Amino acid sequence: MTRFAGRPATTTARSALNAGVVPTRLAGLVAAWQAHRGVSDAVWEAGSLYALDGESLRRLLEDVDSVRAACRLPRADLDLVRSLALAWSEAALGRYARVTCTDPLTGLATAQHLQTEVMGLVRRREARAWALAVAEVGVSSTSTSTVPHGMLELIVLSDVAAVVARELPAHTLMAGLAPTRFAALLPSEDAIGLIGRIDGQIRAHLAGLAEPHAARTWIERLPQESEHAATLIDELCR
């Protein structure tokens, strides 16, 4: 737990800020708390900052309680604590996705990373303009390859993803969703314009392989509600 030395519990919020009693990550929250305005934005910022710095939710709540007592502010109500926890958890998920954002076997981003990016679009109310271009490769179960079937699926998927990547704008997020499925996050107009070419390139690539493999592609428009967006990605991962 962070120590707040140098001032007694009667310190006001303003003097506590000036004296450095309040941790930098909570300065905005304390100021908004005292002014009784902009608290919701400050809560989101505080929760996010702790999560992005790798601090636990327990540490965040303990620091908030200590600062509240030092600054003689009202006890945090349930709504404020809930908002802090939600802000922390969403930012923590984003941090986790960035730390473990790539599958070392395929080179594709993880489904968790894709979900974080999609949720960001939903939260910013930009999801309507985005879509997922989805590709699925059906690796033949009668393959004569000596490579185990599961590993063969990964090899074919990563090869196909590399072919698709050449057709997409630079820095496009491509994520693995299942052993035989991946998706690219694209502006809706780009997805519609590219899906035909993507499908053609995949089929041309598969046709050149020794073993016959099936493929299909389609577009999923992003839902505008977080619950529906999470359900979509969950279903694509099955």
C-alpha atoms as a PDB file:
ATOM      1  CA  MET A   1       0.000   0.000   0.000  1.00  0.00           C
ATOM      2  CA  THR A   2       1.222   3.521  -0.809  1.00  0.00           C
ATOM      3  CA  ARG A   3       2.298   5.606   2.183  1.00  0.00           C
ATOM      4  CA  PHE A   4       1.034   9.149   2.485  1.00  0.00           C
ATOM      5  CA  ALA A   5       3.436  10.780   4.909  1.00  0.00           C
ATOM      6  CA  GLY A   6       3.823  14.427   5.855  1.00  0.00           C
ATOM      7  CA  ARG A   7       0.249  15.558   6.566  1.00  0.00           C
ATOM      8  CA  PRO A   8      -2.322  14.728   9.242  1.00  0.00           C
ATOM      9  CA  ALA A   9      -5.810  13.480   8.421  1.00  0.00           C
ATOM     10  CA  THR A  10      -7.189  17.050   8.565  1.00  0.00           C
ATOM     11  CA  THR A  11      -5.393  18.041   5.353  1.00  0.00           C
ATOM     12  CA  THR A  12      -7.739  19.514   2.716  1.00  0.00           C
ATOM     13  CA  ALA A  13      -7.800  18.154  -0.813  1.00  0.00           C
ATOM     14  CA  ARG A  14      -6.150  21.274  -2.274  1.00  0.00           C
ATOM     15  CA  SER A  15      -3.283  21.394   0.223  1.00  0.00           C
ATOM     16  CA  ALA A  16      -2.798  17.641  -0.074  1.00  0.00           C
ATOM     17  CA  LEU A  17      -2.367  17.995  -3.819  1.00  0.00           C
ATOM     18  CA  ASN A  18       0.080  20.853  -3.374  1.00  0.00           C
ATOM     19  CA  ALA A  19       2.045  18.945  -0.730  1.00  0.00           C
ATOM     20  CA  GLY A  20       2.379  15.842  -2.860  1.00  0.00           C
ATOM     21  CA  VAL A  21       0.410  13.710  -0.417  1.00  0.00           C
ATOM     22  CA  VAL A  22      -1.801  12.425  -3.232  1.00  0.00           C
ATOM     23  CA  PRO A  23      -0.221   9.963  -5.704  1.00  0.00           C
ATOM     24  CA  THR A  24       0.008  11.421  -9.193  1.00  0.00           C
ATOM     25  CA  ARG A  25      -2.344   8.768 -10.544  1.00  0.00           C
ATOM     26  CA  LEU A  26      -5.104   9.957  -8.193  1.00  0.00           C
ATOM     27  CA  ALA A  27      -4.595  13.718  -8.498  1.00  0.00           C
ATOM     28  CA  GLY A  28      -7.317  14.148 -11.109  1.00  0.00           C
ATOM     29  CA  LEU A  29      -9.778  12.068  -9.121  1.00  0.00           C
ATOM     30  CA  VAL A  30      -9.201  14.015  -5.898  1.00  0.00           C
ATOM     31  CA  ALA A  31      -9.566  17.364  -7.681  1.00  0.00           C
ATOM     32  CA  ALA A  32     -12.802  16.275  -9.362  1.00  0.00           C
ATOM     33  CA  TRP A  33     -14.067  14.732  -6.131  1.00  0.00           C
ATOM     34  CA  GLN A  34     -13.541  18.017  -4.312  1.00  0.00           C
ATOM     35  CA  ALA A  35     -15.095  20.109  -7.111  1.00  0.00           C
ATOM     36  CA  HIS A  36     -18.060  17.740  -7.515  1.00  0.00           C
ATOM     37  CA  ARG A  37     -17.720  17.723 -11.297  1.00  0.00           C
ATOM     38  CA  GLY A  38     -16.038  15.537 -13.881  1.00  0.00           C
ATOM     39  CA  VAL A  39     -15.849  12.685 -11.384  1.00  0.00           C
ATOM     40  CA  SER A  40     -16.856   9.933 -13.822  1.00  0.00           C
ATOM     41  CA  ASP A  41     -14.052  10.817 -16.266  1.00  0.00           C
ATOM     42  CA  ALA A  42     -11.546  11.116 -13.405  1.00  0.00           C
ATOM     43  CA  VAL A  43     -12.593   7.736 -12.037  1.00  0.00           C
ATOM     44  CA  TRP A  44     -12.031   6.136 -15.443  1.00  0.00           C
ATOM     45  CA  GLU A  45      -8.615   7.759 -15.721  1.00  0.00           C
ATOM     46  CA  ALA A  46      -7.525   6.686 -12.231  1.00  0.00           C
ATOM     47  CA  GLY A  47      -8.626   3.076 -12.679  1.00  0.00           C
ATOM     48  CA  SER A  48      -6.956   2.867 -16.079  1.00  0.00           C
ATOM     49  CA  LEU A  49      -3.679   4.369 -14.889  1.00  0.00           C
ATOM     50  CA  TYR A  50      -3.328   1.836 -12.074  1.00  0.00           C
ATOM     51  CA  ALA A  51      -4.059  -1.083 -14.373  1.00  0.00           C
ATOM     52  CA  LEU A  52      -1.688   0.122 -17.104  1.00  0.00           C
ATOM     53  CA  ASP A  53       1.065   0.494 -14.504  1.00  0.00           C
ATOM     54  CA  GLY A  54       0.524  -3.109 -13.444  1.00  0.00           C
ATOM     55  CA  GLU A  55      -0.975  -2.225 -10.051  1.00  0.00           C
ATOM     56  CA  SER A  56      -3.627  -4.454  -8.499  1.00  0.00           C
ATOM     57  CA  LEU A  57      -7.249  -3.458  -7.950  1.00  0.00           C
ATOM     58  CA  ARG A  58      -6.681  -3.901  -4.224  1.00  0.00           C
ATOM     59  CA  ARG A  59      -3.820  -1.387  -4.314  1.00  0.00           C
ATOM     60  CA  LEU A  60      -6.039   1.092  -6.177  1.00  0.00           C
ATOM     61  CA  LEU A  61      -8.893   0.828  -3.668  1.00  0.00           C
ATOM     62  CA  GLU A  62      -6.538   1.066  -0.678  1.00  0.00           C
ATOM     63  CA  ASP A  63      -4.892   4.195  -2.087  1.00  0.00           C
ATOM     64  CA  VAL A  64      -8.261   5.777  -2.814  1.00  0.00           C
ATOM     65  CA  ASP A  65      -9.413   5.086   0.738  1.00  0.00           C
ATOM     66  CA  SER A  66      -6.185   6.491   2.240  1.00  0.00           C
ATOM     67  CA  VAL A  67      -6.354   9.644   0.115  1.00  0.00           C
ATOM     68  CA  ARG A  68     -10.020  10.077   0.974  1.00  0.00           C
ATOM     69  CA  ALA A  69      -9.217   9.977   4.684  1.00  0.00           C
ATOM     70  CA  ALA A  70      -6.203  12.288   4.352  1.00  0.00           C
ATOM     71  CA  CYS A  71      -8.200  14.832   2.359  1.00  0.00           C
ATOM     72  CA  ARG A  72     -11.334  14.557   4.487  1.00  0.00           C
ATOM     73  CA  LEU A  73     -13.457  13.634   1.509  1.00  0.00           C
ATOM     74  CA  PRO A  74     -16.713  11.662   1.746  1.00  0.00           C
ATOM     75  CA  ARG A  75     -16.436   7.886   1.794  1.00  0.00           C
ATOM     76  CA  ALA A  76     -16.540   6.390  -1.693  1.00  0.00           C
ATOM     77  CA  ASP A  77     -20.024   5.123  -2.508  1.00  0.00           C
ATOM     78  CA  LEU A  78     -20.817   1.873  -4.272  1.00  0.00           C
ATOM     79  CA  ASP A  79     -21.177   3.513  -7.697  1.00  0.00           C
ATOM     80  CA  LEU A  80     -17.729   5.099  -7.494  1.00  0.00           C
ATOM     81  CA  VAL A  81     -16.106   1.838  -6.369  1.00  0.00           C
ATOM     82  CA  ARG A  82     -17.893  -0.057  -9.139  1.00  0.00           C
ATOM     83  CA  SER A  83     -16.750   2.474 -11.742  1.00  0.00           C
ATOM     84  CA  LEU A  84     -13.162   2.270 -10.486  1.00  0.00           C
ATOM     85  CA  ALA A  85     -13.277  -1.516 -10.715  1.00  0.00           C
ATOM     86  CA  LEU A  86     -14.735  -1.464 -14.233  1.00  0.00           C
ATOM     87  CA  ALA A  87     -12.152   1.052 -15.453  1.00  0.00           C
ATOM     88  CA  TRP A  88      -9.342  -0.957 -13.885  1.00  0.00           C
ATOM     89  CA  SER A  89     -10.565  -4.283 -15.291  1.00  0.00           C
ATOM     90  CA  GLU A  90     -10.992  -3.017 -18.864  1.00  0.00           C
ATOM     91  CA  ALA A  91      -7.567  -1.367 -18.869  1.00  0.00           C
ATOM     92  CA  ALA A  92      -6.040  -4.479 -17.253  1.00  0.00           C
ATOM     93  CA  LEU A  93      -7.481  -6.606 -20.061  1.00  0.00           C
ATOM     94  CA  GLY A  94      -5.955  -4.219 -22.577  1.00  0.00           C
ATOM     95  CA  ARG A  95      -2.573  -4.399 -20.865  1.00  0.00           C
ATOM     96  CA  TYR A  96      -2.705  -8.187 -20.798  1.00  0.00           C
ATOM     97  CA  ALA A  97      -3.560  -8.273 -24.485  1.00  0.00           C
ATOM     98  CA  ARG A  98      -0.642  -5.994 -25.324  1.00  0.00           C
ATOM     99  CA  VAL A  99       1.767  -8.072 -23.260  1.00  0.00           C
ATOM    100  CA  THR A 100       0.573 -11.343 -24.811  1.00  0.00           C
ATOM    101  CA  CYS A 101      -0.775 -10.007 -28.094  1.00  0.00           C
ATOM    102  CA  THR A 102       0.834 -12.445 -30.535  1.00  0.00           C
ATOM    103  CA  ASP A 103       0.498 -16.198 -30.930  1.00  0.00           C
ATOM    104  CA  PRO A 104       4.090 -17.427 -31.393  1.00  0.00           C
ATOM    105  CA  LEU A 105       2.906 -20.385 -33.495  1.00  0.00           C
ATOM    106  CA  THR A 106       1.050 -18.380 -36.155  1.00  0.00           C
ATOM    107  CA  GLY A 107       2.355 -14.831 -35.772  1.00  0.00           C
ATOM    108  CA  LEU A 108      -1.253 -13.626 -35.564  1.00  0.00           C
ATOM    109  CA  ALA A 109      -2.605 -11.426 -32.800  1.00  0.00           C
ATOM    110  CA  THR A 110      -4.532 -13.231 -30.077  1.00  0.00           C
ATOM    111  CA  ALA A 111      -8.319 -13.215 -29.865  1.00  0.00           C
ATOM    112  CA  GLN A 112      -7.975 -11.313 -26.567  1.00  0.00           C
ATOM    113  CA  HIS A 113      -6.109  -8.542 -28.350  1.00  0.00           C
ATOM    114  CA  LEU A 114      -8.752  -8.374 -31.070  1.00  0.00           C
ATOM    115  CA  GLN A 115     -11.501  -8.208 -28.456  1.00  0.00           C
ATOM    116  CA  THR A 116      -9.744  -5.329 -26.692  1.00  0.00           C
ATOM    117  CA  GLU A 117      -9.507  -3.373 -29.946  1.00  0.00           C
ATOM    118  CA  VAL A 118     -13.144  -4.068 -30.811  1.00  0.00           C
ATOM    119  CA  MET A 119     -14.316  -3.029 -27.340  1.00  0.00           C
ATOM    120  CA  GLY A 120     -12.378   0.206 -27.734  1.00  0.00           C
ATOM    121  CA  LEU A 121     -14.254   0.924 -30.973  1.00  0.00           C
ATOM    122  CA  VAL A 122     -17.563   0.148 -29.277  1.00  0.00           C
ATOM    123  CA  ARG A 123     -16.762   2.392 -26.316  1.00  0.00           C
ATOM    124  CA  ARG A 124     -15.798   5.254 -28.635  1.00  0.00           C
ATOM    125  CA  ARG A 125     -18.983   4.639 -30.667  1.00  0.00           C
ATOM    126  CA  GLU A 126     -16.977   3.926 -33.810  1.00  0.00           C
ATOM    127  CA  ALA A 127     -17.940   0.257 -34.246  1.00  0.00           C
ATOM    128  CA  ARG A 128     -20.552   1.011 -36.927  1.00  0.00           C
ATOM    129  CA  ALA A 129     -17.775   1.924 -39.374  1.00  0.00           C
ATOM    130  CA  TRP A 130     -15.739  -1.271 -38.826  1.00  0.00           C
ATOM    131  CA  ALA A 131     -16.027  -4.934 -39.748  1.00  0.00           C
ATOM    132  CA  LEU A 132     -14.195  -8.247 -39.514  1.00  0.00           C
ATOM    133  CA  ALA A 133     -13.093  -9.976 -42.699  1.00  0.00           C
ATOM    134  CA  VAL A 134     -13.124 -13.619 -41.619  1.00  0.00           C
ATOM    135  CA  ALA A 135     -11.347 -16.504 -43.321  1.00  0.00           C
ATOM    136  CA  GLU A 136     -11.653 -20.192 -42.510  1.00  0.00           C
ATOM    137  CA  VAL A 137      -9.510 -22.970 -43.923  1.00  0.00           C
ATOM    138  CA  GLY A 138     -10.723 -26.568 -43.830  1.00  0.00           C
ATOM    139  CA  VAL A 139      -7.656 -28.791 -43.720  1.00  0.00           C
ATOM    140  CA  SER A 140      -8.361 -32.203 -45.241  1.00  0.00           C
ATOM    141  CA  SER A 141      -8.821 -34.926 -42.625  1.00  0.00           C
ATOM    142  CA  THR A 142      -7.565 -37.494 -45.169  1.00  0.00           C
ATOM    143  CA  SER A 143      -4.214 -35.786 -45.598  1.00  0.00           C
ATOM    144  CA  THR A 144      -1.286 -38.146 -46.145  1.00  0.00           C
ATOM    145  CA  SER A 145       1.104 -35.732 -44.446  1.00  0.00           C
ATOM    146  CA  THR A 146       3.204 -37.151 -41.628  1.00  0.00           C
ATOM    147  CA  VAL A 147       2.660 -33.919 -39.685  1.00  0.00           C
ATOM    148  CA  PRO A 148       0.031 -34.271 -36.902  1.00  0.00           C
ATOM    149  CA  HIS A 149      -3.326 -32.897 -38.042  1.00  0.00           C
ATOM    150  CA  GLY A 150      -3.450 -30.137 -35.420  1.00  0.00           C
ATOM    151  CA  MET A 151      -0.001 -28.905 -36.366  1.00  0.00           C
ATOM    152  CA  LEU A 152      -0.869 -29.113 -40.066  1.00  0.00           C
ATOM    153  CA  GLU A 153      -3.862 -26.856 -39.428  1.00  0.00           C
ATOM    154  CA  LEU A 154      -1.594 -24.256 -37.809  1.00  0.00           C
ATOM    155  CA  ILE A 155       0.907 -24.429 -40.666  1.00  0.00           C
ATOM    156  CA  VAL A 156      -1.767 -24.010 -43.359  1.00  0.00           C
ATOM    157  CA  LEU A 157      -3.503 -21.247 -41.392  1.00  0.00           C
ATOM    158  CA  SER A 158      -0.297 -19.256 -40.898  1.00  0.00           C
ATOM    159  CA  ASP A 159       0.602 -19.641 -44.575  1.00  0.00           C
ATOM    160  CA  VAL A 160      -2.838 -18.468 -45.681  1.00  0.00           C
ATOM    161  CA  ALA A 161      -2.740 -15.554 -43.231  1.00  0.00           C
ATOM    162  CA  ALA A 162       0.587 -14.463 -44.714  1.00  0.00           C
ATOM    163  CA  VAL A 163      -0.977 -14.511 -48.188  1.00  0.00           C
ATOM    164  CA  VAL A 164      -3.933 -12.430 -46.985  1.00  0.00           C
ATOM    165  CA  ALA A 165      -1.682  -9.945 -45.182  1.00  0.00           C
ATOM    166  CA  ARG A 166      -0.139  -8.954 -48.506  1.00  0.00           C
ATOM    167  CA  GLU A 167      -3.574  -7.809 -49.708  1.00  0.00           C
ATOM    168  CA  LEU A 168      -4.322  -5.648 -46.655  1.00  0.00           C
ATOM    169  CA  PRO A 169      -3.275  -2.128 -45.685  1.00  0.00           C
ATOM    170  CA  ALA A 170      -0.136  -1.912 -43.557  1.00  0.00           C
ATOM    171  CA  HIS A 171      -0.621  -2.355 -39.793  1.00  0.00           C
ATOM    172  CA  THR A 172      -3.979  -4.108 -40.207  1.00  0.00           C
ATOM    173  CA  LEU A 173      -4.798  -6.145 -37.120  1.00  0.00           C
ATOM    174  CA  MET A 174      -5.097  -9.846 -37.972  1.00  0.00           C
ATOM    175  CA  ALA A 175      -6.030 -12.233 -35.194  1.00  0.00           C
ATOM    176  CA  GLY A 176      -6.294 -15.990 -34.876  1.00  0.00           C
ATOM    177  CA  LEU A 177      -9.723 -17.052 -33.663  1.00  0.00           C
ATOM    178  CA  ALA A 178      -9.623 -20.854 -33.888  1.00  0.00           C
ATOM    179  CA  PRO A 179      -7.210 -23.491 -35.241  1.00  0.00           C
ATOM    180  CA  THR A 180      -8.585 -22.956 -38.757  1.00  0.00           C
ATOM    181  CA  ARG A 181     -10.002 -19.421 -38.594  1.00  0.00           C
ATOM    182  CA  PHE A 182      -8.663 -15.869 -38.459  1.00  0.00           C
ATOM    183  CA  ALA A 183     -10.002 -12.367 -39.003  1.00  0.00           C
ATOM    184  CA  ALA A 184      -8.770  -8.949 -40.073  1.00  0.00           C
ATOM    185  CA  LEU A 185     -10.177  -5.803 -38.467  1.00  0.00           C
ATOM    186  CA  LEU A 186     -10.929  -3.315 -41.229  1.00  0.00           C
ATOM    187  CA  PRO A 187     -13.037  -0.256 -41.966  1.00  0.00           C
ATOM    188  CA  SER A 188     -16.315  -1.620 -43.350  1.00  0.00           C
ATOM    189  CA  GLU A 189     -15.804  -0.144 -46.826  1.00  0.00           C
ATOM    190  CA  ASP A 190     -12.320  -1.688 -47.060  1.00  0.00           C
ATOM    191  CA  ALA A 191     -13.626  -5.081 -45.920  1.00  0.00           C
ATOM    192  CA  ILE A 192     -16.351  -5.058 -48.568  1.00  0.00           C
ATOM    193  CA  GLY A 193     -13.918  -3.993 -51.262  1.00  0.00           C
ATOM    194  CA  LEU A 194     -11.214  -6.515 -50.309  1.00  0.00           C
ATOM    195  CA  ILE A 195     -13.151  -9.657 -49.393  1.00  0.00           C
ATOM    196  CA  GLY A 196     -13.445 -10.864 -52.991  1.00  0.00           C
ATOM    197  CA  ARG A 197      -9.724 -10.451 -53.607  1.00  0.00           C
ATOM    198  CA  ILE A 198      -8.886 -12.094 -50.285  1.00  0.00           C
ATOM    199  CA  ASP A 199     -11.059 -15.085 -51.167  1.00  0.00           C
ATOM    200  CA  GLY A 200      -9.440 -15.391 -54.579  1.00  0.00           C
ATOM    201  CA  GLN A 201      -5.914 -15.248 -53.189  1.00  0.00           C
ATOM    202  CA  ILE A 202      -6.673 -17.890 -50.555  1.00  0.00           C
ATOM    203  CA  ARG A 203      -8.161 -20.275 -53.094  1.00  0.00           C
ATOM    204  CA  ALA A 204      -5.271 -19.736 -55.504  1.00  0.00           C
ATOM    205  CA  HIS A 205      -2.789 -20.477 -52.728  1.00  0.00           C
ATOM    206  CA  LEU A 206      -4.597 -23.622 -51.610  1.00  0.00           C
ATOM    207  CA  ALA A 207      -4.901 -24.857 -55.178  1.00  0.00           C
ATOM    208  CA  GLY A 208      -1.125 -24.884 -55.426  1.00  0.00           C
ATOM    209  CA  LEU A 209      -0.680 -27.194 -52.446  1.00  0.00           C
ATOM    210  CA  ALA A 210      -0.190 -30.941 -52.744  1.00  0.00           C
ATOM    211  CA  GLU A 211      -3.229 -31.644 -50.552  1.00  0.00           C
ATOM    212  CA  PRO A 212      -6.711 -30.238 -51.334  1.00  0.00           C
ATOM    213  CA  HIS A 213      -8.067 -27.901 -48.660  1.00  0.00           C
ATOM    214  CA  ALA A 214     -11.363 -26.019 -48.560  1.00  0.00           C
ATOM    215  CA  ALA A 215     -11.801 -22.338 -47.637  1.00  0.00           C
ATOM    216  CA  ARG A 216     -14.528 -19.790 -47.091  1.00  0.00           C
ATOM    217  CA  THR A 217     -14.553 -16.076 -46.337  1.00  0.00           C
ATOM    218  CA  TRP A 218     -17.191 -13.686 -45.067  1.00  0.00           C
ATOM    219  CA  ILE A 219     -17.707 -10.313 -43.399  1.00  0.00           C
ATOM    220  CA  GLU A 220     -19.003  -9.701 -39.883  1.00  0.00           C
ATOM    221  CA  ARG A 221     -20.082  -6.132 -39.158  1.00  0.00           C
ATOM    222  CA  LEU A 222     -19.242  -5.038 -35.638  1.00  0.00           C
ATOM    223  CA  PRO A 223     -22.177  -4.715 -33.234  1.00  0.00           C
ATOM    224  CA  GLN A 224     -22.536  -1.358 -31.511  1.00  0.00           C
ATOM    225  CA  GLU A 225     -23.099  -2.804 -28.042  1.00  0.00           C
ATOM    226  CA  SER A 226     -20.266  -4.307 -26.005  1.00  0.00           C
ATOM    227  CA  GLU A 227     -22.239  -7.397 -24.981  1.00  0.00           C
ATOM    228  CA  HIS A 228     -23.097  -8.261 -28.584  1.00  0.00           C
ATOM    229  CA  ALA A 229     -19.531  -7.561 -29.732  1.00  0.00           C
ATOM    230  CA  ALA A 230     -18.132  -9.905 -27.068  1.00  0.00           C
ATOM    231  CA  THR A 231     -20.650 -12.588 -28.091  1.00  0.00           C
ATOM    232  CA  LEU A 232     -19.638 -12.259 -31.744  1.00  0.00           C
ATOM    233  CA  ILE A 233     -15.950 -12.790 -31.027  1.00  0.00           C
ATOM    234  CA  ASP A 234     -16.727 -15.651 -28.642  1.00  0.00           C
ATOM    235  CA  GLU A 235     -18.751 -17.402 -31.345  1.00  0.00           C
ATOM    236  CA  LEU A 236     -16.011 -16.879 -33.933  1.00  0.00           C
ATOM    237  CA  CYS A 237     -13.528 -18.510 -31.563  1.00  0.00           C
ATOM    238  CA  ARG A 238     -15.540 -21.743 -31.351  1.00  0.00           C
END
